[in-house]
């Protein structure tokens, strides 16, 4: 065993003596039930571009990414920094390439310093796409997001206070659709759409974006929208609406699959849900008094339009509200009659 190898490793780096385990599929399993699902594997890392500056060690392997890389944790030993300061050991999450080398473009992320060996996560789980890694240490939720084509991860930390109001995380579960279900210490449940970094709230057996998370779609469309996620169009948005200086909140071209409307909402704004090709069905509640121009324009799969309540009010809605949708002809027929009641 090398001198700089941390004390927690009980086996040498030879394949014949490494601790082997059978890793369970972590999908739809609470993290607390995955405790112990790890394996010791050999890897090496270099602190410089010089391949001779090689350090062979073993890391705690937790799983694989779709592109063949592996991920796990390692206690990096004490080392002397450039300022001749002795850095203490720290626990790091590592990405290991197929050839056994720690990915140089992804330096290990420091989790805790003293004592490092006490802060290993129960498990580390990847989202189904492999774009996000998630783990819990000491009641805090951490994640890495793949943000560059070469596969580099950026860390997400220090947002516990704003995300959950400073409350500790008791457990988490990664679902097959990429939504992480998070159970807080007080029993409240949240969800996170991992690859899109959106905070969710439970709603009718599924999820809706949290109030502030809805702003996420203002600047960058969501690329992935699972079936369990429903967008709620709310009657009021505070704070960020004025900052973004828009008259309407837009969710066009966001891959929306399901949408509902908050009771009390009266107007579906102009262009708000246009160009969502995966939106197949829309139910307009009876409390909606007005639908503005191109509100659902060019939703290419919208075959099912259900209008609840008195249909006479439809005559006042914008003529082009559903232009470019398969239901356009039906809508204009109802709007032209304007006197039919359900």
C-alpha atoms as a PDB file:
ATOM      1  CA  UNK A   1       0.000   0.000   0.000  1.00  0.00           C
ATOM      2  CA  UNK A   2       1.324   3.426  -0.938  1.00  0.00           C
ATOM      3  CA  UNK A   3       2.172   5.813   1.857  1.00  0.00           C
ATOM      4  CA  UNK A   4      -0.276   8.409   0.620  1.00  0.00           C
ATOM      5  CA  UNK A   5      -3.140   5.933   0.435  1.00  0.00           C
ATOM      6  CA  UNK A   6      -5.843   6.722   3.033  1.00  0.00           C
ATOM      7  CA  UNK A   7      -6.266   4.435   6.009  1.00  0.00           C
ATOM      8  CA  UNK A   8      -9.899   3.554   5.314  1.00  0.00           C
ATOM      9  CA  UNK A   9      -8.928   1.228   2.430  1.00  0.00           C
ATOM     10  CA  UNK A  10      -8.532  -2.231   3.887  1.00  0.00           C
ATOM     11  CA  UNK A  11      -7.436  -4.034   0.736  1.00  0.00           C
ATOM     12  CA  UNK A  12      -4.566  -3.604  -1.676  1.00  0.00           C
ATOM     13  CA  UNK A  13      -5.082  -2.392  -5.217  1.00  0.00           C
ATOM     14  CA  UNK A  14      -4.646  -5.808  -6.829  1.00  0.00           C
ATOM     15  CA  UNK A  15      -7.719  -7.193  -8.551  1.00  0.00           C
ATOM     16  CA  UNK A  16      -7.526 -10.398  -6.507  1.00  0.00           C
ATOM     17  CA  UNK A  17      -8.010  -8.671  -3.158  1.00  0.00           C
ATOM     18  CA  UNK A  18     -10.311  -5.765  -3.919  1.00  0.00           C
ATOM     19  CA  UNK A  19     -13.648  -5.758  -2.165  1.00  0.00           C
ATOM     20  CA  UNK A  20     -16.284  -6.769  -4.708  1.00  0.00           C
ATOM     21  CA  UNK A  21     -20.009  -6.156  -4.342  1.00  0.00           C
ATOM     22  CA  UNK A  22     -23.007  -6.439  -6.596  1.00  0.00           C
ATOM     23  CA  UNK A  23     -24.408  -2.965  -7.099  1.00  0.00           C
ATOM     24  CA  UNK A  24     -28.172  -2.699  -7.146  1.00  0.00           C
ATOM     25  CA  UNK A  25     -30.050  -0.594  -9.662  1.00  0.00           C
ATOM     26  CA  UNK A  26     -30.593   2.657  -7.707  1.00  0.00           C
ATOM     27  CA  UNK A  27     -33.669   3.700  -9.691  1.00  0.00           C
ATOM     28  CA  UNK A  28     -36.794   4.064  -7.533  1.00  0.00           C
ATOM     29  CA  UNK A  29     -34.839   3.071  -4.406  1.00  0.00           C
ATOM     30  CA  UNK A  30     -34.394   5.373  -1.404  1.00  0.00           C
ATOM     31  CA  UNK A  31     -30.761   6.292  -0.791  1.00  0.00           C
ATOM     32  CA  UNK A  32     -30.905   4.938   2.754  1.00  0.00           C
ATOM     33  CA  UNK A  33     -31.608   1.465   1.335  1.00  0.00           C
ATOM     34  CA  UNK A  34     -28.496   1.608  -0.828  1.00  0.00           C
ATOM     35  CA  UNK A  35     -26.051   1.945   2.051  1.00  0.00           C
ATOM     36  CA  UNK A  36     -23.076  -0.328   1.434  1.00  0.00           C
ATOM     37  CA  UNK A  37     -23.621  -0.530  -2.320  1.00  0.00           C
ATOM     38  CA  UNK A  38     -20.089   0.304  -3.355  1.00  0.00           C
ATOM     39  CA  UNK A  39     -16.934  -1.417  -4.475  1.00  0.00           C
ATOM     40  CA  UNK A  40     -13.242  -0.646  -4.162  1.00  0.00           C
ATOM     41  CA  UNK A  41     -11.620  -0.152  -7.554  1.00  0.00           C
ATOM     42  CA  UNK A  42      -8.180   0.851  -8.701  1.00  0.00           C
ATOM     43  CA  UNK A  43      -7.574   4.203 -10.348  1.00  0.00           C
ATOM     44  CA  UNK A  44      -4.803   6.760 -10.690  1.00  0.00           C
ATOM     45  CA  UNK A  45      -4.561  10.507 -10.799  1.00  0.00           C
ATOM     46  CA  UNK A  46      -1.940  13.099 -11.707  1.00  0.00           C
ATOM     47  CA  UNK A  47      -1.547  16.495 -10.089  1.00  0.00           C
ATOM     48  CA  UNK A  48       0.148  17.817 -13.214  1.00  0.00           C
ATOM     49  CA  UNK A  49       0.222  17.155 -16.957  1.00  0.00           C
ATOM     50  CA  UNK A  50       3.254  14.967 -16.431  1.00  0.00           C
ATOM     51  CA  UNK A  51       2.247  11.299 -16.595  1.00  0.00           C
ATOM     52  CA  UNK A  52       5.207  10.494 -14.344  1.00  0.00           C
ATOM     53  CA  UNK A  53       3.415  12.373 -11.572  1.00  0.00           C
ATOM     54  CA  UNK A  54       1.133   9.396 -11.139  1.00  0.00           C
ATOM     55  CA  UNK A  55      -0.570   8.315  -7.914  1.00  0.00           C
ATOM     56  CA  UNK A  56      -2.114   4.842  -7.838  1.00  0.00           C
ATOM     57  CA  UNK A  57      -4.887   4.258  -5.326  1.00  0.00           C
ATOM     58  CA  UNK A  58      -8.318   2.738  -4.856  1.00  0.00           C
ATOM     59  CA  UNK A  59     -11.581   4.647  -4.787  1.00  0.00           C
ATOM     60  CA  UNK A  60     -15.066   3.788  -3.653  1.00  0.00           C
ATOM     61  CA  UNK A  61     -16.971   3.002  -6.840  1.00  0.00           C
ATOM     62  CA  UNK A  62     -20.700   3.746  -6.868  1.00  0.00           C
ATOM     63  CA  UNK A  63     -21.767   3.407 -10.490  1.00  0.00           C
ATOM     64  CA  UNK A  64     -21.325   4.086 -14.195  1.00  0.00           C
ATOM     65  CA  UNK A  65     -22.210   6.885 -16.573  1.00  0.00           C
ATOM     66  CA  UNK A  66     -23.806   6.105 -19.954  1.00  0.00           C
ATOM     67  CA  UNK A  67     -20.601   7.028 -21.795  1.00  0.00           C
ATOM     68  CA  UNK A  68     -18.567   4.361 -19.963  1.00  0.00           C
ATOM     69  CA  UNK A  69     -16.974   6.514 -17.269  1.00  0.00           C
ATOM     70  CA  UNK A  70     -17.328   5.614 -13.605  1.00  0.00           C
ATOM     71  CA  UNK A  71     -17.952   7.686 -10.483  1.00  0.00           C
ATOM     72  CA  UNK A  72     -17.162   7.307  -6.816  1.00  0.00           C
ATOM     73  CA  UNK A  73     -15.347   8.885  -3.861  1.00  0.00           C
ATOM     74  CA  UNK A  74     -11.775   9.053  -2.642  1.00  0.00           C
ATOM     75  CA  UNK A  75      -9.984  10.540   0.353  1.00  0.00           C
ATOM     76  CA  UNK A  76      -7.181  12.604  -1.091  1.00  0.00           C
ATOM     77  CA  UNK A  77      -4.171  12.571   1.231  1.00  0.00           C
ATOM     78  CA  UNK A  78      -2.466  15.541   2.829  1.00  0.00           C
ATOM     79  CA  UNK A  79      -0.245  17.361   0.390  1.00  0.00           C
ATOM     80  CA  UNK A  80       1.873  20.489   0.299  1.00  0.00           C
ATOM     81  CA  UNK A  81       0.329  23.330  -1.661  1.00  0.00           C
ATOM     82  CA  UNK A  82       2.197  25.874  -3.756  1.00  0.00           C
ATOM     83  CA  UNK A  83       2.339  28.160  -0.722  1.00  0.00           C
ATOM     84  CA  UNK A  84       4.060  25.444   1.331  1.00  0.00           C
ATOM     85  CA  UNK A  85       0.887  25.032   3.321  1.00  0.00           C
ATOM     86  CA  UNK A  86      -0.038  21.508   4.359  1.00  0.00           C
ATOM     87  CA  UNK A  87      -3.509  20.753   3.021  1.00  0.00           C
ATOM     88  CA  UNK A  88      -5.520  18.324   5.178  1.00  0.00           C
ATOM     89  CA  UNK A  89      -7.076  15.197   3.658  1.00  0.00           C
ATOM     90  CA  UNK A  90     -10.426  15.764   1.988  1.00  0.00           C
ATOM     91  CA  UNK A  91     -13.150  13.555   0.602  1.00  0.00           C
ATOM     92  CA  UNK A  92     -13.701  14.037  -3.114  1.00  0.00           C
ATOM     93  CA  UNK A  93     -16.170  12.836  -5.708  1.00  0.00           C
ATOM     94  CA  UNK A  94     -14.218  11.532  -8.682  1.00  0.00           C
ATOM     95  CA  UNK A  95     -15.026  10.728 -12.293  1.00  0.00           C
ATOM     96  CA  UNK A  96     -12.823   7.916 -13.607  1.00  0.00           C
ATOM     97  CA  UNK A  97     -12.262   7.221 -17.286  1.00  0.00           C
ATOM     98  CA  UNK A  98     -12.375   3.735 -18.745  1.00  0.00           C
ATOM     99  CA  UNK A  99      -8.578   3.536 -18.691  1.00  0.00           C
ATOM    100  CA  UNK A 100      -8.593   4.044 -14.905  1.00  0.00           C
ATOM    101  CA  UNK A 101      -7.430   7.650 -14.849  1.00  0.00           C
ATOM    102  CA  UNK A 102      -9.314  10.297 -12.917  1.00  0.00           C
ATOM    103  CA  UNK A 103     -10.751  12.698 -15.462  1.00  0.00           C
ATOM    104  CA  UNK A 104      -8.369  15.627 -15.562  1.00  0.00           C
ATOM    105  CA  UNK A 105     -11.040  18.113 -16.613  1.00  0.00           C
ATOM    106  CA  UNK A 106     -13.052  17.302 -13.506  1.00  0.00           C
ATOM    107  CA  UNK A 107     -10.971  17.875 -10.383  1.00  0.00           C
ATOM    108  CA  UNK A 108     -12.348  16.210  -7.292  1.00  0.00           C
ATOM    109  CA  UNK A 109     -14.843  18.379  -5.465  1.00  0.00           C
ATOM    110  CA  UNK A 110     -14.087  18.974  -1.824  1.00  0.00           C
ATOM    111  CA  UNK A 111     -16.965  17.876   0.382  1.00  0.00           C
ATOM    112  CA  UNK A 112     -15.717  18.224   3.971  1.00  0.00           C
ATOM    113  CA  UNK A 113     -12.259  18.534   5.499  1.00  0.00           C
ATOM    114  CA  UNK A 114     -12.099  17.283   9.098  1.00  0.00           C
ATOM    115  CA  UNK A 115     -12.083  14.358   9.403  1.00  0.00           C
ATOM    116  CA  UNK A 116     -12.570  13.416   5.760  1.00  0.00           C
ATOM    117  CA  UNK A 117     -13.308   9.740   6.313  1.00  0.00           C
ATOM    118  CA  UNK A 118     -16.405  10.562   8.352  1.00  0.00           C
ATOM    119  CA  UNK A 119     -18.197  12.283   5.505  1.00  0.00           C
ATOM    120  CA  UNK A 120     -18.675   9.668   2.842  1.00  0.00           C
ATOM    121  CA  UNK A 121     -22.165   9.772   1.368  1.00  0.00           C
ATOM    122  CA  UNK A 122     -24.509   6.840   1.856  1.00  0.00           C
ATOM    123  CA  UNK A 123     -24.529   6.516  -1.904  1.00  0.00           C
ATOM    124  CA  UNK A 124     -24.027   8.545  -5.052  1.00  0.00           C
ATOM    125  CA  UNK A 125     -26.692   8.196  -7.729  1.00  0.00           C
ATOM    126  CA  UNK A 126     -26.665   9.356 -11.347  1.00  0.00           C
ATOM    127  CA  UNK A 127     -29.752  10.621 -13.120  1.00  0.00           C
ATOM    128  CA  UNK A 128     -30.944   8.292 -15.910  1.00  0.00           C
ATOM    129  CA  UNK A 129     -29.284  10.485 -18.537  1.00  0.00           C
ATOM    130  CA  UNK A 130     -26.001  10.526 -16.628  1.00  0.00           C
ATOM    131  CA  UNK A 131     -25.926  14.325 -16.664  1.00  0.00           C
ATOM    132  CA  UNK A 132     -26.355  14.739 -12.897  1.00  0.00           C
ATOM    133  CA  UNK A 133     -24.793  13.092  -9.854  1.00  0.00           C
ATOM    134  CA  UNK A 134     -26.583  13.408  -6.508  1.00  0.00           C
ATOM    135  CA  UNK A 135     -25.596  12.490  -2.950  1.00  0.00           C
ATOM    136  CA  UNK A 136     -26.380  13.367   0.670  1.00  0.00           C
ATOM    137  CA  UNK A 137     -23.866  14.114   3.415  1.00  0.00           C
ATOM    138  CA  UNK A 138     -24.775  15.179   6.919  1.00  0.00           C
ATOM    139  CA  UNK A 139     -28.325  16.060   5.914  1.00  0.00           C
ATOM    140  CA  UNK A 140     -27.264  18.232   2.975  1.00  0.00           C
ATOM    141  CA  UNK A 141     -28.125  17.500  -0.634  1.00  0.00           C
ATOM    142  CA  UNK A 142     -25.307  17.882  -3.148  1.00  0.00           C
ATOM    143  CA  UNK A 143     -25.260  17.498  -6.901  1.00  0.00           C
ATOM    144  CA  UNK A 144     -23.014  17.788  -9.923  1.00  0.00           C
ATOM    145  CA  UNK A 145     -24.329  18.827 -13.316  1.00  0.00           C
ATOM    146  CA  UNK A 146     -22.694  18.023 -16.632  1.00  0.00           C
ATOM    147  CA  UNK A 147     -22.531  21.342 -18.426  1.00  0.00           C
ATOM    148  CA  UNK A 148     -19.887  20.955 -21.117  1.00  0.00           C
ATOM    149  CA  UNK A 149     -19.707  18.604 -24.110  1.00  0.00           C
ATOM    150  CA  UNK A 150     -16.527  16.993 -22.820  1.00  0.00           C
ATOM    151  CA  UNK A 151     -18.433  15.898 -19.739  1.00  0.00           C
ATOM    152  CA  UNK A 152     -17.168  18.232 -17.065  1.00  0.00           C
ATOM    153  CA  UNK A 153     -19.368  18.544 -13.983  1.00  0.00           C
ATOM    154  CA  UNK A 154     -20.037  21.686 -11.993  1.00  0.00           C
ATOM    155  CA  UNK A 155     -20.922  21.421  -8.345  1.00  0.00           C
ATOM    156  CA  UNK A 156     -24.085  22.681  -6.703  1.00  0.00           C
ATOM    157  CA  UNK A 157     -23.547  23.446  -3.044  1.00  0.00           C
ATOM    158  CA  UNK A 158     -24.346  26.111  -0.509  1.00  0.00           C
ATOM    159  CA  UNK A 159     -27.954  26.472  -1.672  1.00  0.00           C
ATOM    160  CA  UNK A 160     -29.539  24.427   1.095  1.00  0.00           C
ATOM    161  CA  UNK A 161     -30.805  27.589   2.767  1.00  0.00           C
ATOM    162  CA  UNK A 162     -32.610  28.927  -0.283  1.00  0.00           C
ATOM    163  CA  UNK A 163     -33.797  25.593  -1.612  1.00  0.00           C
ATOM    164  CA  UNK A 164     -35.287  24.023   1.515  1.00  0.00           C
ATOM    165  CA  UNK A 165     -35.282  26.893   3.987  1.00  0.00           C
ATOM    166  CA  UNK A 166     -32.249  25.510   5.810  1.00  0.00           C
ATOM    167  CA  UNK A 167     -33.983  22.238   6.652  1.00  0.00           C
ATOM    168  CA  UNK A 168     -32.019  18.997   6.603  1.00  0.00           C
ATOM    169  CA  UNK A 169     -32.600  16.237   4.064  1.00  0.00           C
ATOM    170  CA  UNK A 170     -33.596  12.873   5.520  1.00  0.00           C
ATOM    171  CA  UNK A 171     -33.595  10.793   2.349  1.00  0.00           C
ATOM    172  CA  UNK A 172     -33.916  10.907  -1.440  1.00  0.00           C
ATOM    173  CA  UNK A 173     -35.027   8.672  -4.284  1.00  0.00           C
ATOM    174  CA  UNK A 174     -34.101   8.917  -7.976  1.00  0.00           C
ATOM    175  CA  UNK A 175     -37.055   8.048 -10.168  1.00  0.00           C
ATOM    176  CA  UNK A 176     -36.782   6.565 -13.648  1.00  0.00           C
ATOM    177  CA  UNK A 177     -38.064   9.775 -15.248  1.00  0.00           C
ATOM    178  CA  UNK A 178     -35.165  11.831 -13.869  1.00  0.00           C
ATOM    179  CA  UNK A 179     -37.042  13.435 -10.982  1.00  0.00           C
ATOM    180  CA  UNK A 180     -35.317  13.224  -7.618  1.00  0.00           C
ATOM    181  CA  UNK A 181     -37.804  12.913  -4.749  1.00  0.00           C
ATOM    182  CA  UNK A 182     -36.429  14.565  -1.610  1.00  0.00           C
ATOM    183  CA  UNK A 183     -37.747  13.881   1.899  1.00  0.00           C
ATOM    184  CA  UNK A 184     -36.931  16.560   4.473  1.00  0.00           C
ATOM    185  CA  UNK A 185     -36.466  16.004   8.186  1.00  0.00           C
ATOM    186  CA  UNK A 186     -39.910  17.447   8.964  1.00  0.00           C
ATOM    187  CA  UNK A 187     -41.624  15.067   6.529  1.00  0.00           C
ATOM    188  CA  UNK A 188     -42.233  17.555   3.709  1.00  0.00           C
ATOM    189  CA  UNK A 189     -41.474  16.315   0.207  1.00  0.00           C
ATOM    190  CA  UNK A 190     -39.972  18.160  -2.743  1.00  0.00           C
ATOM    191  CA  UNK A 191     -38.844  17.082  -6.173  1.00  0.00           C
ATOM    192  CA  UNK A 192     -35.968  18.177  -8.366  1.00  0.00           C
ATOM    193  CA  UNK A 193     -35.937  17.809 -12.142  1.00  0.00           C
ATOM    194  CA  UNK A 194     -32.269  16.940 -12.012  1.00  0.00           C
ATOM    195  CA  UNK A 195     -30.944  17.663 -15.484  1.00  0.00           C
ATOM    196  CA  UNK A 196     -32.875  20.925 -15.741  1.00  0.00           C
ATOM    197  CA  UNK A 197     -32.207  22.045 -12.154  1.00  0.00           C
ATOM    198  CA  UNK A 198     -35.838  22.903 -11.367  1.00  0.00           C
ATOM    199  CA  UNK A 199     -37.408  22.615  -7.903  1.00  0.00           C
ATOM    200  CA  UNK A 200     -40.782  20.828  -7.890  1.00  0.00           C
ATOM    201  CA  UNK A 201     -43.749  20.407  -5.562  1.00  0.00           C
ATOM    202  CA  UNK A 202     -46.091  17.388  -5.317  1.00  0.00           C
ATOM    203  CA  UNK A 203     -49.372  17.814  -7.188  1.00  0.00           C
ATOM    204  CA  UNK A 204     -52.152  15.284  -7.876  1.00  0.00           C
ATOM    205  CA  UNK A 205     -49.851  12.269  -7.856  1.00  0.00           C
ATOM    206  CA  UNK A 206     -47.214  14.070  -9.918  1.00  0.00           C
ATOM    207  CA  UNK A 207     -45.259  17.311  -9.768  1.00  0.00           C
ATOM    208  CA  UNK A 208     -45.532  20.988 -10.620  1.00  0.00           C
ATOM    209  CA  UNK A 209     -42.690  23.539 -10.656  1.00  0.00           C
ATOM    210  CA  UNK A 210     -42.307  25.584  -7.484  1.00  0.00           C
ATOM    211  CA  UNK A 211     -43.292  29.248  -7.697  1.00  0.00           C
ATOM    212  CA  UNK A 212     -39.771  30.583  -8.139  1.00  0.00           C
ATOM    213  CA  UNK A 213     -38.712  27.654 -10.320  1.00  0.00           C
ATOM    214  CA  UNK A 214     -41.208  28.772 -12.935  1.00  0.00           C
ATOM    215  CA  UNK A 215     -38.828  31.603 -13.776  1.00  0.00           C
ATOM    216  CA  UNK A 216     -36.382  28.976 -15.023  1.00  0.00           C
ATOM    217  CA  UNK A 217     -38.219  28.807 -18.348  1.00  0.00           C
ATOM    218  CA  UNK A 218     -37.979  32.535 -18.987  1.00  0.00           C
ATOM    219  CA  UNK A 219     -34.325  32.456 -20.005  1.00  0.00           C
ATOM    220  CA  UNK A 220     -33.754  28.886 -21.157  1.00  0.00           C
ATOM    221  CA  UNK A 221     -36.295  26.307 -22.374  1.00  0.00           C
ATOM    222  CA  UNK A 222     -36.457  22.970 -20.606  1.00  0.00           C
ATOM    223  CA  UNK A 223     -35.252  20.185 -22.890  1.00  0.00           C
ATOM    224  CA  UNK A 224     -36.799  17.300 -21.002  1.00  0.00           C
ATOM    225  CA  UNK A 225     -40.334  17.164 -19.638  1.00  0.00           C
ATOM    226  CA  UNK A 226     -41.372  13.844 -18.009  1.00  0.00           C
ATOM    227  CA  UNK A 227     -44.972  12.637 -17.960  1.00  0.00           C
ATOM    228  CA  UNK A 228     -45.249  13.132 -14.186  1.00  0.00           C
ATOM    229  CA  UNK A 229     -44.489  16.860 -14.453  1.00  0.00           C
ATOM    230  CA  UNK A 230     -47.359  19.275 -15.010  1.00  0.00           C
ATOM    231  CA  UNK A 231     -46.969  22.997 -15.645  1.00  0.00           C
ATOM    232  CA  UNK A 232     -49.409  25.135 -13.664  1.00  0.00           C
ATOM    233  CA  UNK A 233     -50.200  28.527 -15.177  1.00  0.00           C
ATOM    234  CA  UNK A 234     -50.648  30.744 -12.145  1.00  0.00           C
ATOM    235  CA  UNK A 235     -52.741  33.856 -11.697  1.00  0.00           C
ATOM    236  CA  UNK A 236     -49.933  35.815 -10.059  1.00  0.00           C
ATOM    237  CA  UNK A 237     -46.161  35.850 -10.348  1.00  0.00           C
ATOM    238  CA  UNK A 238     -44.221  38.101  -8.021  1.00  0.00           C
ATOM    239  CA  UNK A 239     -40.718  39.504  -7.997  1.00  0.00           C
ATOM    240  CA  UNK A 240     -39.095  38.140 -11.085  1.00  0.00           C
ATOM    241  CA  UNK A 241     -41.912  39.087 -13.493  1.00  0.00           C
ATOM    242  CA  UNK A 242     -41.111  42.790 -13.097  1.00  0.00           C
ATOM    243  CA  UNK A 243     -37.377  42.115 -13.236  1.00  0.00           C
ATOM    244  CA  UNK A 244     -37.741  40.342 -16.569  1.00  0.00           C
ATOM    245  CA  UNK A 245     -39.877  43.233 -17.820  1.00  0.00           C
ATOM    246  CA  UNK A 246     -42.451  41.116 -19.623  1.00  0.00           C
ATOM    247  CA  UNK A 247     -46.196  41.528 -19.917  1.00  0.00           C
ATOM    248  CA  UNK A 248     -46.744  37.781 -19.995  1.00  0.00           C
ATOM    249  CA  UNK A 249     -44.920  34.754 -18.681  1.00  0.00           C
ATOM    250  CA  UNK A 250     -43.910  32.563 -21.608  1.00  0.00           C
ATOM    251  CA  UNK A 251     -43.487  28.796 -21.703  1.00  0.00           C
ATOM    252  CA  UNK A 252     -43.378  28.422 -25.454  1.00  0.00           C
ATOM    253  CA  UNK A 253     -41.130  25.823 -27.068  1.00  0.00           C
ATOM    254  CA  UNK A 254     -40.407  24.231 -23.670  1.00  0.00           C
ATOM    255  CA  UNK A 255     -41.430  20.611 -24.385  1.00  0.00           C
ATOM    256  CA  UNK A 256     -44.445  20.966 -22.085  1.00  0.00           C
ATOM    257  CA  UNK A 257     -46.490  17.746 -21.975  1.00  0.00           C
ATOM    258  CA  UNK A 258     -49.168  18.576 -19.409  1.00  0.00           C
ATOM    259  CA  UNK A 259     -50.629  21.885 -18.294  1.00  0.00           C
ATOM    260  CA  UNK A 260     -53.222  23.019 -15.777  1.00  0.00           C
ATOM    261  CA  UNK A 261     -54.518  26.407 -14.655  1.00  0.00           C
ATOM    262  CA  UNK A 262     -54.664  27.795 -11.137  1.00  0.00           C
ATOM    263  CA  UNK A 263     -58.206  28.487  -9.913  1.00  0.00           C
ATOM    264  CA  UNK A 264     -58.892  32.211 -10.108  1.00  0.00           C
ATOM    265  CA  UNK A 265     -56.925  32.694 -13.323  1.00  0.00           C
ATOM    266  CA  UNK A 266     -59.114  34.477 -15.865  1.00  0.00           C
ATOM    267  CA  UNK A 267     -56.889  35.120 -18.880  1.00  0.00           C
ATOM    268  CA  UNK A 268     -54.546  32.788 -20.757  1.00  0.00           C
ATOM    269  CA  UNK A 269     -51.985  35.245 -22.062  1.00  0.00           C
ATOM    270  CA  UNK A 270     -50.812  35.805 -25.601  1.00  0.00           C
ATOM    271  CA  UNK A 271     -48.334  33.183 -26.844  1.00  0.00           C
ATOM    272  CA  UNK A 272     -47.801  31.699 -23.395  1.00  0.00           C
ATOM    273  CA  UNK A 273     -47.822  28.032 -24.459  1.00  0.00           C
ATOM    274  CA  UNK A 274     -47.124  28.255 -28.175  1.00  0.00           C
ATOM    275  CA  UNK A 275     -44.906  25.780 -30.063  1.00  0.00           C
ATOM    276  CA  UNK A 276     -45.028  22.957 -27.514  1.00  0.00           C
ATOM    277  CA  UNK A 277     -45.166  20.019 -29.912  1.00  0.00           C
ATOM    278  CA  UNK A 278     -45.495  17.407 -27.168  1.00  0.00           C
ATOM    279  CA  UNK A 279     -48.622  18.977 -25.673  1.00  0.00           C
ATOM    280  CA  UNK A 280     -51.470  16.720 -26.814  1.00  0.00           C
ATOM    281  CA  UNK A 281     -54.395  17.614 -24.550  1.00  0.00           C
ATOM    282  CA  UNK A 282     -55.559  20.868 -22.973  1.00  0.00           C
ATOM    283  CA  UNK A 283     -58.530  21.298 -20.660  1.00  0.00           C
ATOM    284  CA  UNK A 284     -59.740  24.904 -20.393  1.00  0.00           C
ATOM    285  CA  UNK A 285     -61.551  25.278 -17.016  1.00  0.00           C
ATOM    286  CA  UNK A 286     -64.826  27.141 -16.689  1.00  0.00           C
ATOM    287  CA  UNK A 287     -63.158  29.990 -14.775  1.00  0.00           C
ATOM    288  CA  UNK A 288     -61.132  31.049 -17.838  1.00  0.00           C
ATOM    289  CA  UNK A 289     -62.819  34.095 -19.396  1.00  0.00           C
ATOM    290  CA  UNK A 290     -60.337  34.946 -22.146  1.00  0.00           C
ATOM    291  CA  UNK A 291     -57.730  33.217 -24.308  1.00  0.00           C
ATOM    292  CA  UNK A 292     -55.447  35.672 -26.099  1.00  0.00           C
ATOM    293  CA  UNK A 293     -53.803  35.593 -29.510  1.00  0.00           C
ATOM    294  CA  UNK A 294     -51.646  32.556 -30.363  1.00  0.00           C
ATOM    295  CA  UNK A 295     -51.816  31.320 -26.755  1.00  0.00           C
ATOM    296  CA  UNK A 296     -51.433  27.723 -27.990  1.00  0.00           C
ATOM    297  CA  UNK A 297     -50.243  28.462 -31.501  1.00  0.00           C
ATOM    298  CA  UNK A 298     -48.368  25.774 -33.449  1.00  0.00           C
ATOM    299  CA  UNK A 299     -48.692  23.055 -30.804  1.00  0.00           C
ATOM    300  CA  UNK A 300     -48.395  20.387 -33.459  1.00  0.00           C
ATOM    301  CA  UNK A 301     -49.752  17.449 -31.434  1.00  0.00           C
ATOM    302  CA  UNK A 302     -52.713  19.133 -29.754  1.00  0.00           C
ATOM    303  CA  UNK A 303     -55.532  16.876 -30.907  1.00  0.00           C
ATOM    304  CA  UNK A 304     -57.647  17.118 -27.775  1.00  0.00           C
ATOM    305  CA  UNK A 305     -59.194  20.414 -26.727  1.00  0.00           C
ATOM    306  CA  UNK A 306     -61.728  20.304 -23.889  1.00  0.00           C
ATOM    307  CA  UNK A 307     -63.553  23.513 -22.979  1.00  0.00           C
ATOM    308  CA  UNK A 308     -65.485  23.299 -19.730  1.00  0.00           C
ATOM    309  CA  UNK A 309     -68.469  25.452 -18.836  1.00  0.00           C
ATOM    310  CA  UNK A 310     -70.492  27.840 -20.977  1.00  0.00           C
ATOM    311  CA  UNK A 311     -69.207  27.762 -24.563  1.00  0.00           C
ATOM    312  CA  UNK A 312     -70.780  31.099 -25.473  1.00  0.00           C
ATOM    313  CA  UNK A 313     -67.784  32.880 -23.965  1.00  0.00           C
ATOM    314  CA  UNK A 314     -65.516  31.282 -26.586  1.00  0.00           C
ATOM    315  CA  UNK A 315     -66.804  33.779 -29.186  1.00  0.00           C
ATOM    316  CA  UNK A 316     -64.792  36.465 -27.368  1.00  0.00           C
ATOM    317  CA  UNK A 317     -61.538  34.522 -27.440  1.00  0.00           C
ATOM    318  CA  UNK A 318     -58.823  35.298 -29.982  1.00  0.00           C
ATOM    319  CA  UNK A 319     -59.515  33.740 -33.369  1.00  0.00           C
ATOM    320  CA  UNK A 320     -55.899  32.590 -33.745  1.00  0.00           C
ATOM    321  CA  UNK A 321     -55.517  31.206 -30.206  1.00  0.00           C
ATOM    322  CA  UNK A 322     -55.036  27.672 -31.571  1.00  0.00           C
ATOM    323  CA  UNK A 323     -53.665  28.404 -35.043  1.00  0.00           C
ATOM    324  CA  UNK A 324     -51.356  25.666 -36.302  1.00  0.00           C
ATOM    325  CA  UNK A 325     -52.845  23.032 -33.966  1.00  0.00           C
ATOM    326  CA  UNK A 326     -54.702  19.903 -35.123  1.00  0.00           C
ATOM    327  CA  UNK A 327     -57.668  21.112 -33.043  1.00  0.00           C
ATOM    328  CA  UNK A 328     -57.756  24.493 -34.845  1.00  0.00           C
ATOM    329  CA  UNK A 329     -60.727  23.605 -37.055  1.00  0.00           C
ATOM    330  CA  UNK A 330     -62.773  22.356 -34.096  1.00  0.00           C
ATOM    331  CA  UNK A 331     -61.925  25.470 -32.063  1.00  0.00           C
ATOM    332  CA  UNK A 332     -62.968  27.861 -34.823  1.00  0.00           C
ATOM    333  CA  UNK A 333     -66.178  25.941 -35.328  1.00  0.00           C
ATOM    334  CA  UNK A 334     -67.050  26.295 -31.618  1.00  0.00           C
ATOM    335  CA  UNK A 335     -65.981  29.935 -31.640  1.00  0.00           C
ATOM    336  CA  UNK A 336     -68.080  30.670 -34.742  1.00  0.00           C
ATOM    337  CA  UNK A 337     -71.205  29.221 -33.217  1.00  0.00           C
ATOM    338  CA  UNK A 338     -70.633  31.075 -29.973  1.00  0.00           C
ATOM    339  CA  UNK A 339     -74.014  30.203 -28.512  1.00  0.00           C
ATOM    340  CA  UNK A 340     -73.606  26.538 -27.570  1.00  0.00           C
ATOM    341  CA  UNK A 341     -73.628  25.627 -23.903  1.00  0.00           C
ATOM    342  CA  UNK A 342     -72.133  22.470 -22.434  1.00  0.00           C
END
